[in-house]
Amino acid sequence: MEELHSITISDERLDDCRDVVEPDLQDLIRTTIASGFSAEEVLIAISELVAEDFAAVVKTPRVH
């Protein structure tokens, strides 16, 4: 895998991606809250998972 030094994404492409991701993300948040976790716990867990995945792509240190 090549090392990523910068990311350039058009606003239009980013908006399109968000439109696809957001409904599933909202479903995940609702389902996890319904399982007994607080909104804060869910959002922190999701943020950490995203940070780990992002770090793997750009080869930066992980958030702990």
N, C-alpha and C. Protein backbone atom coordinates (compact mmCIF):
# COMPACT_ATOMS: atom_id res chain seq x y z
N MET A 1 0.84 -1.17 0.00
CA MET A 1 0.00 0.00 0.00
C MET A 1 0.89 1.24 0.00
N GLU A 2 0.55 2.22 -0.84
CA GLU A 2 1.32 3.45 -0.90
C GLU A 2 1.01 4.33 0.30
N GLU A 3 2.02 5.08 0.74
CA GLU A 3 1.82 6.02 1.84
C GLU A 3 1.07 7.24 1.31
N LEU A 4 0.08 7.66 2.05
CA LEU A 4 -0.74 8.79 1.66
C LEU A 4 -0.22 10.05 2.34
N HIS A 5 0.16 11.05 1.54
CA HIS A 5 0.70 12.29 2.10
C HIS A 5 -0.35 13.39 2.16
N SER A 6 -1.33 13.35 1.29
CA SER A 6 -2.40 14.35 1.31
C SER A 6 -3.64 13.75 0.69
N ILE A 7 -4.75 14.36 1.01
CA ILE A 7 -6.03 13.90 0.48
C ILE A 7 -6.71 15.09 -0.18
N THR A 8 -7.12 14.91 -1.42
CA THR A 8 -7.88 15.94 -2.11
C THR A 8 -9.17 15.30 -2.61
N ILE A 9 -10.28 15.81 -2.11
CA ILE A 9 -11.59 15.29 -2.49
C ILE A 9 -12.47 16.48 -2.83
N SER A 10 -13.17 16.40 -3.94
CA SER A 10 -14.04 17.51 -4.31
C SER A 10 -15.21 17.60 -3.34
N ASP A 11 -15.72 18.81 -3.16
CA ASP A 11 -16.87 19.02 -2.29
C ASP A 11 -18.07 18.21 -2.75
N GLU A 12 -18.27 18.16 -4.07
CA GLU A 12 -19.40 17.41 -4.61
C GLU A 12 -19.28 15.92 -4.31
N ARG A 13 -18.10 15.38 -4.50
CA ARG A 13 -17.87 13.95 -4.24
C ARG A 13 -18.04 13.65 -2.74
N LEU A 14 -17.54 14.53 -1.89
CA LEU A 14 -17.69 14.35 -0.45
C LEU A 14 -19.16 14.41 -0.04
N ASP A 15 -19.91 15.35 -0.59
CA ASP A 15 -21.34 15.44 -0.30
C ASP A 15 -22.07 14.18 -0.74
N ASP A 16 -21.73 13.66 -1.92
CA ASP A 16 -22.35 12.43 -2.41
C ASP A 16 -22.05 11.26 -1.49
N CYS A 17 -20.81 11.17 -1.03
CA CYS A 17 -20.42 10.08 -0.13
C CYS A 17 -21.17 10.19 1.20
N ARG A 18 -21.25 11.39 1.73
CA ARG A 18 -21.98 11.60 2.99
C ARG A 18 -23.44 11.18 2.85
N ASP A 19 -24.05 11.49 1.70
CA ASP A 19 -25.44 11.11 1.47
C ASP A 19 -25.63 9.60 1.52
N VAL A 20 -24.63 8.85 1.09
CA VAL A 20 -24.70 7.39 1.11
C VAL A 20 -24.42 6.85 2.51
N VAL A 21 -23.45 7.42 3.20
CA VAL A 21 -23.02 6.92 4.51
C VAL A 21 -23.99 7.30 5.63
N GLU A 22 -24.55 8.49 5.58
CA GLU A 22 -25.32 9.01 6.71
C GLU A 22 -26.51 8.14 7.14
N PRO A 23 -27.34 7.64 6.22
CA PRO A 23 -28.47 6.81 6.69
C PRO A 23 -28.03 5.58 7.48
N ASP A 24 -26.99 4.90 6.99
CA ASP A 24 -26.49 3.72 7.70
C ASP A 24 -25.88 4.10 9.04
N LEU A 25 -25.20 5.22 9.09
CA LEU A 25 -24.62 5.68 10.34
C LEU A 25 -25.71 6.00 11.36
N GLN A 26 -26.76 6.67 10.93
CA GLN A 26 -27.86 6.99 11.84
C GLN A 26 -28.54 5.72 12.35
N ASP A 27 -28.71 4.73 11.45
CA ASP A 27 -29.27 3.44 11.88
C ASP A 27 -28.37 2.76 12.90
N LEU A 28 -27.07 2.78 12.67
CA LEU A 28 -26.11 2.19 13.61
C LEU A 28 -26.19 2.88 14.97
N ILE A 29 -26.25 4.19 14.97
CA ILE A 29 -26.34 4.94 16.23
C ILE A 29 -27.62 4.58 16.97
N ARG A 30 -28.76 4.60 16.28
CA ARG A 30 -30.04 4.27 16.92
C ARG A 30 -30.05 2.85 17.47
N THR A 31 -29.58 1.90 16.68
CA THR A 31 -29.57 0.50 17.10
C THR A 31 -28.68 0.29 18.32
N THR A 32 -27.53 0.93 18.33
CA THR A 32 -26.60 0.76 19.44
C THR A 32 -27.14 1.41 20.71
N ILE A 33 -27.77 2.57 20.57
CA ILE A 33 -28.41 3.21 21.73
C ILE A 33 -29.53 2.32 22.25
N ALA A 34 -30.29 1.72 21.35
CA ALA A 34 -31.38 0.82 21.75
C ALA A 34 -30.84 -0.41 22.47
N SER A 35 -29.57 -0.75 22.26
CA SER A 35 -28.95 -1.89 22.94
C SER A 35 -28.50 -1.55 24.35
N GLY A 36 -28.66 -0.28 24.74
CA GLY A 36 -28.36 0.09 26.12
C GLY A 36 -27.17 1.01 26.31
N PHE A 37 -26.54 1.41 25.24
CA PHE A 37 -25.40 2.32 25.36
C PHE A 37 -25.89 3.76 25.25
N SER A 38 -25.17 4.67 25.90
CA SER A 38 -25.54 6.08 25.82
C SER A 38 -25.10 6.65 24.47
N ALA A 39 -25.70 7.77 24.10
CA ALA A 39 -25.31 8.43 22.85
C ALA A 39 -23.83 8.78 22.87
N GLU A 40 -23.35 9.23 24.03
CA GLU A 40 -21.94 9.60 24.15
C GLU A 40 -21.03 8.39 23.93
N GLU A 41 -21.39 7.25 24.54
CA GLU A 41 -20.59 6.03 24.37
C GLU A 41 -20.54 5.62 22.90
N VAL A 42 -21.69 5.68 22.25
CA VAL A 42 -21.77 5.28 20.85
C VAL A 42 -20.91 6.19 19.98
N LEU A 43 -21.05 7.49 20.17
CA LEU A 43 -20.30 8.43 19.33
C LEU A 43 -18.80 8.35 19.57
N ILE A 44 -18.40 8.13 20.81
CA ILE A 44 -16.97 7.98 21.10
C ILE A 44 -16.44 6.69 20.46
N ALA A 45 -17.19 5.60 20.58
CA ALA A 45 -16.76 4.34 19.99
C ALA A 45 -16.64 4.46 18.47
N ILE A 46 -17.62 5.08 17.84
CA ILE A 46 -17.58 5.26 16.38
C ILE A 46 -16.40 6.15 16.00
N SER A 47 -16.19 7.23 16.75
CA SER A 47 -15.07 8.13 16.46
C SER A 47 -13.73 7.41 16.55
N GLU A 48 -13.57 6.58 17.57
CA GLU A 48 -12.32 5.83 17.73
C GLU A 48 -12.11 4.84 16.59
N LEU A 49 -13.18 4.15 16.19
CA LEU A 49 -13.07 3.20 15.09
C LEU A 49 -12.71 3.91 13.79
N VAL A 50 -13.34 5.05 13.53
CA VAL A 50 -13.03 5.82 12.33
C VAL A 50 -11.58 6.30 12.37
N ALA A 51 -11.13 6.79 13.52
CA ALA A 51 -9.75 7.26 13.66
C ALA A 51 -8.76 6.13 13.39
N GLU A 52 -9.05 4.93 13.89
CA GLU A 52 -8.17 3.79 13.65
C GLU A 52 -8.12 3.43 12.17
N ASP A 53 -9.28 3.41 11.52
CA ASP A 53 -9.31 3.10 10.09
C ASP A 53 -8.59 4.18 9.29
N PHE A 54 -8.80 5.43 9.64
CA PHE A 54 -8.14 6.53 8.95
C PHE A 54 -6.63 6.45 9.14
N ALA A 55 -6.20 6.16 10.35
CA ALA A 55 -4.77 6.04 10.64
C ALA A 55 -4.15 4.93 9.81
N ALA A 56 -4.86 3.84 9.63
CA ALA A 56 -4.34 2.73 8.83
C ALA A 56 -4.17 3.15 7.38
N VAL A 57 -5.06 3.97 6.88
CA VAL A 57 -4.99 4.41 5.49
C VAL A 57 -3.85 5.42 5.29
N VAL A 58 -3.73 6.37 6.20
CA VAL A 58 -2.72 7.42 6.04
C VAL A 58 -1.43 7.12 6.80
N LYS A 59 -1.39 5.99 7.48
CA LYS A 59 -0.21 5.56 8.23
C LYS A 59 0.23 6.60 9.26
N THR A 60 -0.72 7.06 10.05
CA THR A 60 -0.44 7.98 11.14
C THR A 60 -0.68 7.27 12.46
N PRO A 61 -0.20 7.82 13.56
CA PRO A 61 -0.43 7.18 14.85
C PRO A 61 -1.92 7.06 15.17
N ARG A 62 -2.28 6.02 15.88
CA ARG A 62 -3.67 5.81 16.27
C ARG A 62 -4.04 6.68 17.45
N VAL A 63 -5.34 6.98 17.54
CA VAL A 63 -5.87 7.73 18.68
C VAL A 63 -6.16 6.73 19.79
N HIS A 64 -5.70 7.01 21.01
CA HIS A 64 -5.95 6.11 22.14
C HIS A 64 -6.71 6.85 23.20
